[in-house]
């Protein structure tokens, strides 16, 4: 499985997207903090975090006895640049041209 596949797999699950949203809102959360936001077992949250770590979307750092989780948005940006940006740039330019054309006609 390549890096893109891991990212798409990680983002396919709503629980994992929710975890990423939590880390986007406030980085450096512990497992206990993340678990408190979900109605699932600690083990379930750990399994989701492992998938996110394997996709390099979450990185961890030890701070004493705590393990802190941080969002790494770089893989999402790489997906955006490869799969979204190139398909939307021409469309966005065409819509902008249409907007200017319509405004000039009035």
PDB file of N, CA and C in Angstrom:
ATOM      1  N   UNK A   1       0.856  -1.175   0.000  1.00  0.00           N
ATOM      2  CA  UNK A   1       0.000   0.000   0.000  1.00  0.00           C
ATOM      3  C   UNK A   1       0.905   1.242   0.000  1.00  0.00           C
ATOM      4  N   UNK A   2       0.654   2.162  -0.936  1.00  0.00           N
ATOM      5  CA  UNK A   2       1.496   3.357  -0.969  1.00  0.00           C
ATOM      6  C   UNK A   2       0.931   4.443  -0.053  1.00  0.00           C
ATOM      7  N   UNK A   3       1.652   5.551   0.038  1.00  0.00           N
ATOM      8  CA  UNK A   3       1.279   6.623   0.973  1.00  0.00           C
ATOM      9  C   UNK A   3      -0.106   7.192   0.686  1.00  0.00           C
ATOM     10  N   UNK A   4      -0.422   7.425  -0.598  1.00  0.00           N
ATOM     11  CA  UNK A   4      -1.745   7.961  -0.941  1.00  0.00           C
ATOM     12  C   UNK A   4      -2.854   7.012  -0.502  1.00  0.00           C
ATOM     13  N   UNK A   5      -2.638   5.722  -0.709  1.00  0.00           N
ATOM     14  CA  UNK A   5      -3.649   4.733  -0.301  1.00  0.00           C
ATOM     15  C   UNK A   5      -3.886   4.775   1.202  1.00  0.00           C
ATOM     16  N   UNK A   6      -2.811   4.925   1.969  1.00  0.00           N
ATOM     17  CA  UNK A   6      -2.944   4.992   3.425  1.00  0.00           C
ATOM     18  C   UNK A   6      -3.732   6.239   3.839  1.00  0.00           C
ATOM     19  N   UNK A   7      -3.468   7.349   3.174  1.00  0.00           N
ATOM     20  CA  UNK A   7      -4.168   8.597   3.504  1.00  0.00           C
ATOM     21  C   UNK A   7      -5.648   8.469   3.158  1.00  0.00           C
ATOM     22  N   UNK A   8      -5.955   7.963   1.966  1.00  0.00           N
ATOM     23  CA  UNK A   8      -7.355   7.797   1.584  1.00  0.00           C
ATOM     24  C   UNK A   8      -8.073   6.827   2.524  1.00  0.00           C
ATOM     25  N   UNK A   9      -7.396   5.746   2.897  1.00  0.00           N
ATOM     26  CA  UNK A   9      -7.995   4.788   3.835  1.00  0.00           C
ATOM     27  C   UNK A   9      -8.278   5.462   5.169  1.00  0.00           C
ATOM     28  N   UNK A  10      -7.327   6.251   5.643  1.00  0.00           N
ATOM     29  CA  UNK A  10      -7.500   6.927   6.934  1.00  0.00           C
ATOM     30  C   UNK A  10      -8.646   7.937   6.877  1.00  0.00           C
ATOM     31  N   UNK A  11      -8.740   8.664   5.781  1.00  0.00           N
ATOM     32  CA  UNK A  11      -9.766   9.700   5.663  1.00  0.00           C
ATOM     33  C   UNK A  11     -11.148   9.138   5.344  1.00  0.00           C
ATOM     34  N   UNK A  12     -11.215   7.871   4.974  1.00  0.00           N
ATOM     35  CA  UNK A  12     -12.496   7.265   4.601  1.00  0.00           C
ATOM     36  C   UNK A  12     -13.424   7.056   5.792  1.00  0.00           C
ATOM     37  N   UNK A  13     -12.878   7.051   6.991  1.00  0.00           N
ATOM     38  CA  UNK A  13     -13.682   6.762   8.175  1.00  0.00           C
ATOM     39  C   UNK A  13     -14.084   8.052   8.897  1.00  0.00           C
ATOM     40  N   UNK A  14     -15.382   8.227   9.210  1.00  0.00           N
ATOM     41  CA  UNK A  14     -15.828   9.459   9.872  1.00  0.00           C
ATOM     42  C   UNK A  14     -15.233   9.657  11.266  1.00  0.00           C
ATOM     43  N   UNK A  15     -14.966   8.581  11.979  1.00  0.00           N
ATOM     44  CA  UNK A  15     -14.356   8.718  13.311  1.00  0.00           C
ATOM     45  C   UNK A  15     -12.946   9.278  13.196  1.00  0.00           C
ATOM     46  N   UNK A  16     -12.203   8.793  12.218  1.00  0.00           N
ATOM     47  CA  UNK A  16     -10.842   9.300  12.037  1.00  0.00           C
ATOM     48  C   UNK A  16     -10.851  10.751  11.573  1.00  0.00           C
ATOM     49  N   UNK A  17     -11.804  11.107  10.721  1.00  0.00           N
ATOM     50  CA  UNK A  17     -11.910  12.520  10.313  1.00  0.00           C
ATOM     51  C   UNK A  17     -12.249  13.390  11.510  1.00  0.00           C
ATOM     52  N   UNK A  18     -13.097  12.886  12.411  1.00  0.00           N
ATOM     53  CA  UNK A  18     -13.442  13.626  13.626  1.00  0.00           C
ATOM     54  C   UNK A  18     -12.207  13.817  14.508  1.00  0.00           C
ATOM     55  N   UNK A  19     -11.394  12.767  14.641  1.00  0.00           N
ATOM     56  CA  UNK A  19     -10.158  12.893  15.420  1.00  0.00           C
ATOM     57  C   UNK A  19      -9.236  13.952  14.825  1.00  0.00           C
ATOM     58  N   UNK A  20      -9.137  13.973  13.508  1.00  0.00           N
ATOM     59  CA  UNK A  20      -8.310  14.999  12.855  1.00  0.00           C
ATOM     60  C   UNK A  20      -8.874  16.394  13.099  1.00  0.00           C
ATOM     61  N   UNK A  21     -10.201  16.511  13.078  1.00  0.00           N
ATOM     62  CA  UNK A  21     -10.835  17.807  13.374  1.00  0.00           C
ATOM     63  C   UNK A  21     -10.520  18.252  14.802  1.00  0.00           C
ATOM     64  N   UNK A  22     -10.536  17.313  15.731  1.00  0.00           N
ATOM     65  CA  UNK A  22     -10.203  17.648  17.116  1.00  0.00           C
ATOM     66  C   UNK A  22      -8.766  18.150  17.226  1.00  0.00           C
ATOM     67  N   UNK A  23      -7.862  17.480  16.533  1.00  0.00           N
ATOM     68  CA  UNK A  23      -6.462  17.899  16.584  1.00  0.00           C
ATOM     69  C   UNK A  23      -6.237  19.203  15.836  1.00  0.00           C
ATOM     70  N   UNK A  24      -7.036  19.450  14.805  1.00  0.00           N
ATOM     71  CA  UNK A  24      -6.949  20.742  14.111  1.00  0.00           C
ATOM     72  C   UNK A  24      -7.375  21.868  15.045  1.00  0.00           C
ATOM     73  N   UNK A  25      -8.421  21.608  15.813  1.00  0.00           N
ATOM     74  CA  UNK A  25      -8.927  22.625  16.748  1.00  0.00           C
ATOM     75  C   UNK A  25      -7.931  22.906  17.863  1.00  0.00           C
ATOM     76  N   UNK A  26      -7.285  21.852  18.361  1.00  0.00           N
ATOM     77  CA  UNK A  26      -6.268  22.015  19.412  1.00  0.00           C
ATOM     78  C   UNK A  26      -5.314  20.841  19.339  1.00  0.00           C
ATOM     79  N   UNK A  27      -4.118  21.130  18.921  1.00  0.00           N
ATOM     80  CA  UNK A  27      -3.080  20.112  18.766  1.00  0.00           C
ATOM     81  C   UNK A  27      -2.509  19.684  20.112  1.00  0.00           C
ATOM     82  N   UNK A  28      -1.834  18.554  20.128  1.00  0.00           N
ATOM     83  CA  UNK A  28      -1.139  18.104  21.323  1.00  0.00           C
ATOM     84  C   UNK A  28      -2.039  17.481  22.367  1.00  0.00           C
ATOM     85  N   UNK A  29      -3.029  16.723  21.938  1.00  0.00           N
ATOM     86  CA  UNK A  29      -3.963  16.094  22.883  1.00  0.00           C
ATOM     87  C   UNK A  29      -3.488  14.693  23.275  1.00  0.00           C
ATOM     88  N   UNK A  30      -3.850  14.312  24.462  1.00  0.00           N
ATOM     89  CA  UNK A  30      -3.557  12.962  24.933  1.00  0.00           C
ATOM     90  C   UNK A  30      -4.653  12.012  24.466  1.00  0.00           C
ATOM     91  N   UNK A  31      -4.381  10.724  24.586  1.00  0.00           N
ATOM     92  CA  UNK A  31      -5.380   9.717  24.258  1.00  0.00           C
ATOM     93  C   UNK A  31      -6.624   9.907  25.120  1.00  0.00           C
ATOM     94  N   UNK A  32      -6.449  10.206  26.392  1.00  0.00           N
ATOM     95  CA  UNK A  32      -7.582  10.409  27.302  1.00  0.00           C
ATOM     96  C   UNK A  32      -8.451  11.567  26.830  1.00  0.00           C
ATOM     97  N   UNK A  33      -7.831  12.664  26.404  1.00  0.00           N
ATOM     98  CA  UNK A  33      -8.599  13.814  25.907  1.00  0.00           C
ATOM     99  C   UNK A  33      -9.378  13.448  24.652  1.00  0.00           C
ATOM    100  N   UNK A  34      -8.733  12.739  23.733  1.00  0.00           N
ATOM    101  CA  UNK A  34      -9.406  12.355  22.491  1.00  0.00           C
ATOM    102  C   UNK A  34     -10.528  11.358  22.770  1.00  0.00           C
ATOM    103  N   UNK A  35     -10.259  10.426  23.651  1.00  0.00           N
ATOM    104  CA  UNK A  35     -11.253   9.403  24.007  1.00  0.00           C
ATOM    105  C   UNK A  35     -12.502  10.033  24.626  1.00  0.00           C
ATOM    106  N   UNK A  36     -12.318  11.091  25.396  1.00  0.00           N
ATOM    107  CA  UNK A  36     -13.457  11.721  26.070  1.00  0.00           C
ATOM    108  C   UNK A  36     -14.440  12.352  25.086  1.00  0.00           C
ATOM    109  N   UNK A  37     -14.004  12.595  23.864  1.00  0.00           N
ATOM    110  CA  UNK A  37     -14.865  13.211  22.848  1.00  0.00           C
ATOM    111  C   UNK A  37     -15.651  12.185  22.030  1.00  0.00           C
ATOM    112  N   UNK A  38     -15.349  10.908  22.243  1.00  0.00           N
ATOM    113  CA  UNK A  38     -15.978   9.851  21.446  1.00  0.00           C
ATOM    114  C   UNK A  38     -16.693   8.857  22.341  1.00  0.00           C
ATOM    115  N   UNK A  39     -17.715   8.255  21.802  1.00  0.00           N
ATOM    116  CA  UNK A  39     -18.436   7.217  22.533  1.00  0.00           C
ATOM    117  C   UNK A  39     -17.943   5.855  22.062  1.00  0.00           C
ATOM    118  N   UNK A  40     -16.699   5.560  22.415  1.00  0.00           N
ATOM    119  CA  UNK A  40     -16.128   4.259  22.096  1.00  0.00           C
ATOM    120  C   UNK A  40     -15.043   3.947  23.116  1.00  0.00           C
ATOM    121  N   UNK A  41     -14.602   2.735  23.096  1.00  0.00           N
ATOM    122  CA  UNK A  41     -13.601   2.318  24.071  1.00  0.00           C
ATOM    123  C   UNK A  41     -12.247   2.962  23.774  1.00  0.00           C
ATOM    124  N   UNK A  42     -11.417   2.975  24.797  1.00  0.00           N
ATOM    125  CA  UNK A  42     -10.053   3.472  24.652  1.00  0.00           C
ATOM    126  C   UNK A  42      -9.315   2.681  23.565  1.00  0.00           C
ATOM    127  N   UNK A  43      -9.531   1.373  23.557  1.00  0.00           N
ATOM    128  CA  UNK A  43      -8.894   0.516  22.567  1.00  0.00           C
ATOM    129  C   UNK A  43      -9.346   0.888  21.154  1.00  0.00           C
ATOM    130  N   UNK A  44     -10.630   1.194  20.995  1.00  0.00           N
ATOM    131  CA  UNK A  44     -11.149   1.601  19.685  1.00  0.00           C
ATOM    132  C   UNK A  44     -10.495   2.882  19.195  1.00  0.00           C
ATOM    133  N   UNK A  45     -10.352   3.850  20.091  1.00  0.00           N
ATOM    134  CA  UNK A  45      -9.698   5.114  19.725  1.00  0.00           C
ATOM    135  C   UNK A  45      -8.237   4.857  19.361  1.00  0.00           C
ATOM    136  N   UNK A  46      -7.578   3.987  20.104  1.00  0.00           N
ATOM    137  CA  UNK A  46      -6.185   3.652  19.818  1.00  0.00           C
ATOM    138  C   UNK A  46      -6.035   3.033  18.428  1.00  0.00           C
ATOM    139  N   UNK A  47      -6.990   2.198  18.030  1.00  0.00           N
ATOM    140  CA  UNK A  47      -6.941   1.578  16.703  1.00  0.00           C
ATOM    141  C   UNK A  47      -7.077   2.636  15.613  1.00  0.00           C
ATOM    142  N   UNK A  48      -7.969   3.589  15.814  1.00  0.00           N
ATOM    143  CA  UNK A  48      -8.129   4.663  14.834  1.00  0.00           C
ATOM    144  C   UNK A  48      -6.878   5.534  14.765  1.00  0.00           C
ATOM    145  N   UNK A  49      -6.306   5.841  15.909  1.00  0.00           N
ATOM    146  CA  UNK A  49      -5.083   6.647  15.931  1.00  0.00           C
ATOM    147  C   UNK A  49      -3.930   5.924  15.240  1.00  0.00           C
ATOM    148  N   UNK A  50      -3.882   4.606  15.372  1.00  0.00           N
ATOM    149  CA  UNK A  50      -2.822   3.841  14.708  1.00  0.00           C
ATOM    150  C   UNK A  50      -2.936   3.965  13.194  1.00  0.00           C
ATOM    151  N   UNK A  51      -4.146   3.887  12.664  1.00  0.00           N
ATOM    152  CA  UNK A  51      -4.349   4.049  11.218  1.00  0.00           C
ATOM    153  C   UNK A  51      -3.912   5.454  10.791  1.00  0.00           C
ATOM    154  N   UNK A  52      -4.262   6.466  11.581  1.00  0.00           N
ATOM    155  CA  UNK A  52      -3.861   7.842  11.268  1.00  0.00           C
ATOM    156  C   UNK A  52      -2.342   8.003  11.331  1.00  0.00           C
ATOM    157  N   UNK A  53      -1.705   7.350  12.282  1.00  0.00           N
ATOM    158  CA  UNK A  53      -0.244   7.412  12.382  1.00  0.00           C
ATOM    159  C   UNK A  53       0.409   6.708  11.206  1.00  0.00           C
ATOM    160  N   UNK A  54      -0.138   5.577  10.784  1.00  0.00           N
ATOM    161  CA  UNK A  54       0.419   4.853   9.641  1.00  0.00           C
ATOM    162  C   UNK A  54       0.307   5.665   8.356  1.00  0.00           C
ATOM    163  N   UNK A  55      -0.709   6.510   8.279  1.00  0.00           N
ATOM    164  CA  UNK A  55      -0.875   7.397   7.122  1.00  0.00           C
ATOM    165  C   UNK A  55      -0.076   8.692   7.283  1.00  0.00           C
ATOM    166  N   UNK A  56       0.621   8.835   8.398  1.00  0.00           N
ATOM    167  CA  UNK A  56       1.424  10.019   8.727  1.00  0.00           C
ATOM    168  C   UNK A  56       0.563  11.266   8.893  1.00  0.00           C
ATOM    169  N   UNK A  57      -0.713  11.078   9.212  1.00  0.00           N
ATOM    170  CA  UNK A  57      -1.603  12.209   9.467  1.00  0.00           C
ATOM    171  C   UNK A  57      -1.549  12.654  10.924  1.00  0.00           C
ATOM    172  N   UNK A  58      -1.092  11.770  11.776  1.00  0.00           N
ATOM    173  CA  UNK A  58      -0.917  12.077  13.192  1.00  0.00           C
ATOM    174  C   UNK A  58       0.496  11.663  13.588  1.00  0.00           C
ATOM    175  N   UNK A  59       1.165  12.560  14.275  1.00  0.00           N
ATOM    176  CA  UNK A  59       2.486  12.251  14.829  1.00  0.00           C
ATOM    177  C   UNK A  59       2.390  12.397  16.344  1.00  0.00           C
ATOM    178  N   UNK A  60       3.215  11.639  17.035  1.00  0.00           N
ATOM    179  CA  UNK A  60       3.156  11.654  18.500  1.00  0.00           C
ATOM    180  C   UNK A  60       4.493  12.075  19.075  1.00  0.00           C
ATOM    181  N   UNK A  61       4.407  12.578  20.287  1.00  0.00           N
ATOM    182  CA  UNK A  61       5.610  12.976  21.023  1.00  0.00           C
ATOM    183  C   UNK A  61       5.365  12.676  22.495  1.00  0.00           C
ATOM    184  N   UNK A  62       6.352  12.128  23.117  1.00  0.00           N
ATOM    185  CA  UNK A  62       6.271  11.861  24.557  1.00  0.00           C
ATOM    186  C   UNK A  62       6.615  13.134  25.319  1.00  0.00           C
ATOM    187  N   UNK A  63       5.812  13.389  26.348  1.00  0.00           N
ATOM    188  CA  UNK A  63       6.056  14.511  27.248  1.00  0.00           C
ATOM    189  C   UNK A  63       5.923  13.941  28.659  1.00  0.00           C
ATOM    190  N   UNK A  64       7.039  13.467  29.192  1.00  0.00           N
ATOM    191  CA  UNK A  64       6.984  12.791  30.482  1.00  0.00           C
ATOM    192  C   UNK A  64       6.247  11.484  30.336  1.00  0.00           C
ATOM    193  N   UNK A  65       5.195  11.314  31.100  1.00  0.00           N
ATOM    194  CA  UNK A  65       4.398  10.082  31.035  1.00  0.00           C
ATOM    195  C   UNK A  65       3.301  10.158  29.983  1.00  0.00           C
ATOM    196  N   UNK A  66       3.086  11.333  29.425  1.00  0.00           N
ATOM    197  CA  UNK A  66       2.015  11.511  28.449  1.00  0.00           C
ATOM    198  C   UNK A  66       2.530  11.326  27.019  1.00  0.00           C
ATOM    199  N   UNK A  67       1.647  10.832  26.185  1.00  0.00           N
ATOM    200  CA  UNK A  67       1.913  10.740  24.752  1.00  0.00           C
ATOM    201  C   UNK A  67       0.959  11.718  24.077  1.00  0.00           C
ATOM    202  N   UNK A  68       1.520  12.739  23.461  1.00  0.00           N
ATOM    203  CA  UNK A  68       0.718  13.774  22.828  1.00  0.00           C
ATOM    204  C   UNK A  68       0.573  13.496  21.338  1.00  0.00           C
ATOM    205  N   UNK A  69      -0.610  13.783  20.819  1.00  0.00           N
ATOM    206  CA  UNK A  69      -0.927  13.545  19.406  1.00  0.00           C
ATOM    207  C   UNK A  69      -1.057  14.890  18.695  1.00  0.00           C
ATOM    208  N   UNK A  70      -0.423  14.967  17.521  1.00  0.00           N
ATOM    209  CA  UNK A  70      -0.418  16.201  16.740  1.00  0.00           C
ATOM    210  C   UNK A  70      -0.856  15.909  15.311  1.00  0.00           C
ATOM    211  N   UNK A  71      -1.588  16.840  14.733  1.00  0.00           N
ATOM    212  CA  UNK A  71      -2.013  16.751  13.342  1.00  0.00           C
ATOM    213  C   UNK A  71      -0.831  17.062  12.431  1.00  0.00           C
ATOM    214  N   UNK A  72      -0.652  16.244  11.412  1.00  0.00           N
ATOM    215  CA  UNK A  72       0.312  16.520  10.349  1.00  0.00           C
ATOM    216  C   UNK A  72      -0.494  16.683   9.066  1.00  0.00           C
ATOM    217  N   UNK A  73      -0.680  17.907   8.626  1.00  0.00           N
ATOM    218  CA  UNK A  73      -1.533  18.188   7.471  1.00  0.00           C
ATOM    219  C   UNK A  73      -0.814  18.021   6.134  1.00  0.00           C
ATOM    220  N   UNK A  74       0.465  17.751   6.147  1.00  0.00           N
ATOM    221  CA  UNK A  74       1.231  17.649   4.899  1.00  0.00           C
ATOM    222  C   UNK A  74       0.668  16.579   3.962  1.00  0.00           C
ATOM    223  N   UNK A  75       0.363  15.363   4.424  1.00  0.00           N
ATOM    224  CA  UNK A  75      -0.192  14.372   3.488  1.00  0.00           C
ATOM    225  C   UNK A  75      -1.531  14.807   2.869  1.00  0.00           C
ATOM    226  N   UNK A  76      -2.339  15.537   3.625  1.00  0.00           N
ATOM    227  CA  UNK A  76      -3.608  16.025   3.067  1.00  0.00           C
ATOM    228  C   UNK A  76      -3.328  17.050   1.975  1.00  0.00           C
ATOM    229  N   UNK A  77      -2.352  17.911   2.201  1.00  0.00           N
ATOM    230  CA  UNK A  77      -1.982  18.907   1.186  1.00  0.00           C
ATOM    231  C   UNK A  77      -1.434  18.228  -0.066  1.00  0.00           C
ATOM    232  N   UNK A  78      -0.660  17.163   0.118  1.00  0.00           N
ATOM    233  CA  UNK A  78      -0.137  16.433  -1.037  1.00  0.00           C
ATOM    234  C   UNK A  78      -1.269  15.808  -1.847  1.00  0.00           C
ATOM    235  N   UNK A  79      -2.267  15.259  -1.162  1.00  0.00           N
ATOM    236  CA  UNK A  79      -3.447  14.721  -1.853  1.00  0.00           C
ATOM    237  C   UNK A  79      -4.161  15.835  -2.600  1.00  0.00           C
ATOM    238  N   UNK A  80      -4.320  16.968  -1.952  1.00  0.00           N
ATOM    239  CA  UNK A  80      -4.964  18.125  -2.582  1.00  0.00           C
ATOM    240  C   UNK A  80      -4.223  18.531  -3.843  1.00  0.00           C
ATOM    241  N   UNK A  81      -2.914  18.679  -3.735  1.00  0.00           N
ATOM    242  CA  UNK A  81      -2.131  19.128  -4.885  1.00  0.00           C
ATOM    243  C   UNK A  81      -2.176  18.123  -6.032  1.00  0.00           C
ATOM    244  N   UNK A  82      -2.164  16.837  -5.702  1.00  0.00           N
ATOM    245  CA  UNK A  82      -2.141  15.817  -6.749  1.00  0.00           C
ATOM    246  C   UNK A  82      -3.516  15.542  -7.339  1.00  0.00           C
ATOM    247  N   UNK A  83      -4.551  15.477  -6.502  1.00  0.00           N
ATOM    248  CA  UNK A  83      -5.838  14.991  -6.963  1.00  0.00           C
ATOM    249  C   UNK A  83      -6.919  16.055  -7.097  1.00  0.00           C
ATOM    250  N   UNK A  84      -6.796  17.138  -6.407  1.00  0.00           N
ATOM    251  CA  UNK A  84      -7.874  18.128  -6.431  1.00  0.00           C
ATOM    252  C   UNK A  84      -7.478  19.368  -7.210  1.00  0.00           C
ATOM    253  N   UNK A  85      -6.345  19.925  -6.876  1.00  0.00           N
ATOM    254  CA  UNK A  85      -5.918  21.192  -7.456  1.00  0.00           C
ATOM    255  C   UNK A  85      -5.844  21.141  -8.976  1.00  0.00           C
ATOM    256  N   UNK A  86      -5.249  20.103  -9.524  1.00  0.00           N
ATOM    257  CA  UNK A  86      -5.079  20.048 -10.974  1.00  0.00           C
ATOM    258  C   UNK A  86      -6.410  19.886 -11.710  1.00  0.00           C
ATOM    259  N   UNK A  87      -7.404  19.326 -11.041  1.00  0.00           N
ATOM    260  CA  UNK A  87      -8.704  19.150 -11.685  1.00  0.00           C
ATOM    261  C   UNK A  87      -9.616  20.361 -11.513  1.00  0.00           C
ATOM    262  N   UNK A  88      -9.326  21.206 -10.560  1.00  0.00           N
ATOM    263  CA  UNK A  88     -10.189  22.352 -10.324  1.00  0.00           C
ATOM    264  C   UNK A  88      -9.630  23.660 -10.871  1.00  0.00           C
ATOM    265  N   UNK A  89      -8.360  23.725 -11.163  1.00  0.00           N
ATOM    266  CA  UNK A  89      -7.781  25.004 -11.581  1.00  0.00           C
ATOM    267  C   UNK A  89      -8.391  25.503 -12.892  1.00  0.00           C
ATOM    268  N   UNK A  90      -8.565  24.630 -13.892  1.00  0.00           N
ATOM    269  CA  UNK A  90      -9.181  25.055 -15.154  1.00  0.00           C
ATOM    270  C   UNK A  90     -10.642  25.423 -14.959  1.00  0.00           C
ATOM    271  N   UNK A  91     -11.326  24.654 -14.133  1.00  0.00           N
ATOM    272  CA  UNK A  91     -12.732  24.930 -13.861  1.00  0.00           C
ATOM    273  C   UNK A  91     -12.898  26.270 -13.162  1.00  0.00           C
ATOM    274  N   UNK A  92     -12.072  26.512 -12.177  1.00  0.00           N
ATOM    275  CA  UNK A  92     -12.153  27.782 -11.455  1.00  0.00           C
ATOM    276  C   UNK A  92     -11.844  28.950 -12.378  1.00  0.00           C
ATOM    277  N   UNK A  93     -10.866  28.791 -13.245  1.00  0.00           N
ATOM    278  CA  UNK A  93     -10.528  29.865 -14.192  1.00  0.00           C
ATOM    279  C   UNK A  93     -11.686  30.101 -15.162  1.00  0.00           C
ATOM    280  N   UNK A  94     -12.320  29.031 -15.621  1.00  0.00           N
ATOM    281  CA  UNK A  94     -13.454  29.173 -16.542  1.00  0.00           C
ATOM    282  C   UNK A  94     -14.624  29.875 -15.864  1.00  0.00           C
ATOM    283  N   UNK A  95     -14.893  29.526 -14.605  1.00  0.00           N
ATOM    284  CA  UNK A  95     -15.975  30.188 -13.879  1.00  0.00           C
ATOM    285  C   UNK A  95     -15.675  31.661 -13.644  1.00  0.00           C
ATOM    286  N   UNK A  96     -14.428  31.979 -13.352  1.00  0.00           N
ATOM    287  CA  UNK A  96     -14.035  33.374 -13.164  1.00  0.00           C
ATOM    288  C   UNK A  96     -14.190  34.150 -14.472  1.00  0.00           C
ATOM    289  N   UNK A  97     -13.798  33.548 -15.596  1.00  0.00           N
ATOM    290  CA  UNK A  97     -13.989  34.193 -16.900  1.00  0.00           C
ATOM    291  C   UNK A  97     -15.467  34.416 -17.189  1.00  0.00           C
ATOM    292  N   UNK A  98     -16.301  33.418 -16.873  1.00  0.00           N
ATOM    293  CA  UNK A  98     -17.748  33.551 -17.070  1.00  0.00           C
ATOM    294  C   UNK A  98     -18.300  34.682 -16.194  1.00  0.00           C
ATOM    295  N   UNK A  99     -17.865  34.763 -14.973  1.00  0.00           N
ATOM    296  CA  UNK A  99     -18.310  35.826 -14.067  1.00  0.00           C
ATOM    297  C   UNK A  99     -17.971  37.207 -14.642  1.00  0.00           C
ATOM    298  N   UNK A 100     -16.730  37.357 -15.113  1.00  0.00           N
ATOM    299  CA  UNK A 100     -16.315  38.643 -15.688  1.00  0.00           C
ATOM    300  C   UNK A 100     -17.110  38.952 -16.951  1.00  0.00           C
ATOM    301  N   UNK A 101     -17.354  37.931 -17.756  1.00  0.00           N
ATOM    302  CA  UNK A 101     -18.118  38.119 -18.989  1.00  0.00           C
ATOM    303  C   UNK A 101     -19.548  38.560 -18.695  1.00  0.00           C
ATOM    304  N   UNK A 102     -20.170  37.930 -17.716  1.00  0.00           N
ATOM    305  CA  UNK A 102     -21.532  38.282 -17.347  1.00  0.00           C
ATOM    306  C   UNK A 102     -21.603  39.688 -16.747  1.00  0.00           C
ATOM    307  N   UNK A 103     -20.612  40.056 -15.963  1.00  0.00           N
ATOM    308  CA  UNK A 103     -20.591  41.392 -15.362  1.00  0.00           C
ATOM    309  C   UNK A 103     -20.372  42.473 -16.414  1.00  0.00           C
ATOM    310  N   UNK A 104     -19.595  42.161 -17.442  1.00  0.00           N
ATOM    311  CA  UNK A 104     -19.348  43.128 -18.510  1.00  0.00           C
ATOM    312  C   UNK A 104     -20.571  43.359 -19.370  1.00  0.00           C
ATOM    313  N   UNK A 105     -21.433  42.353 -19.470  1.00  0.00           N
ATOM    314  CA  UNK A 105     -22.649  42.438 -20.291  1.00  0.00           C
ATOM    315  C   UNK A 105     -23.714  43.314 -19.629  1.00  0.00           C
ATOM    316  N   UNK A 106     -23.632  43.538 -18.345  1.00  0.00           N
ATOM    317  CA  UNK A 106     -24.686  44.310 -17.663  1.00  0.00           C
ATOM    318  C   UNK A 106     -24.371  45.773 -17.605  1.00  0.00           C
TER     319      UNK A 106
END
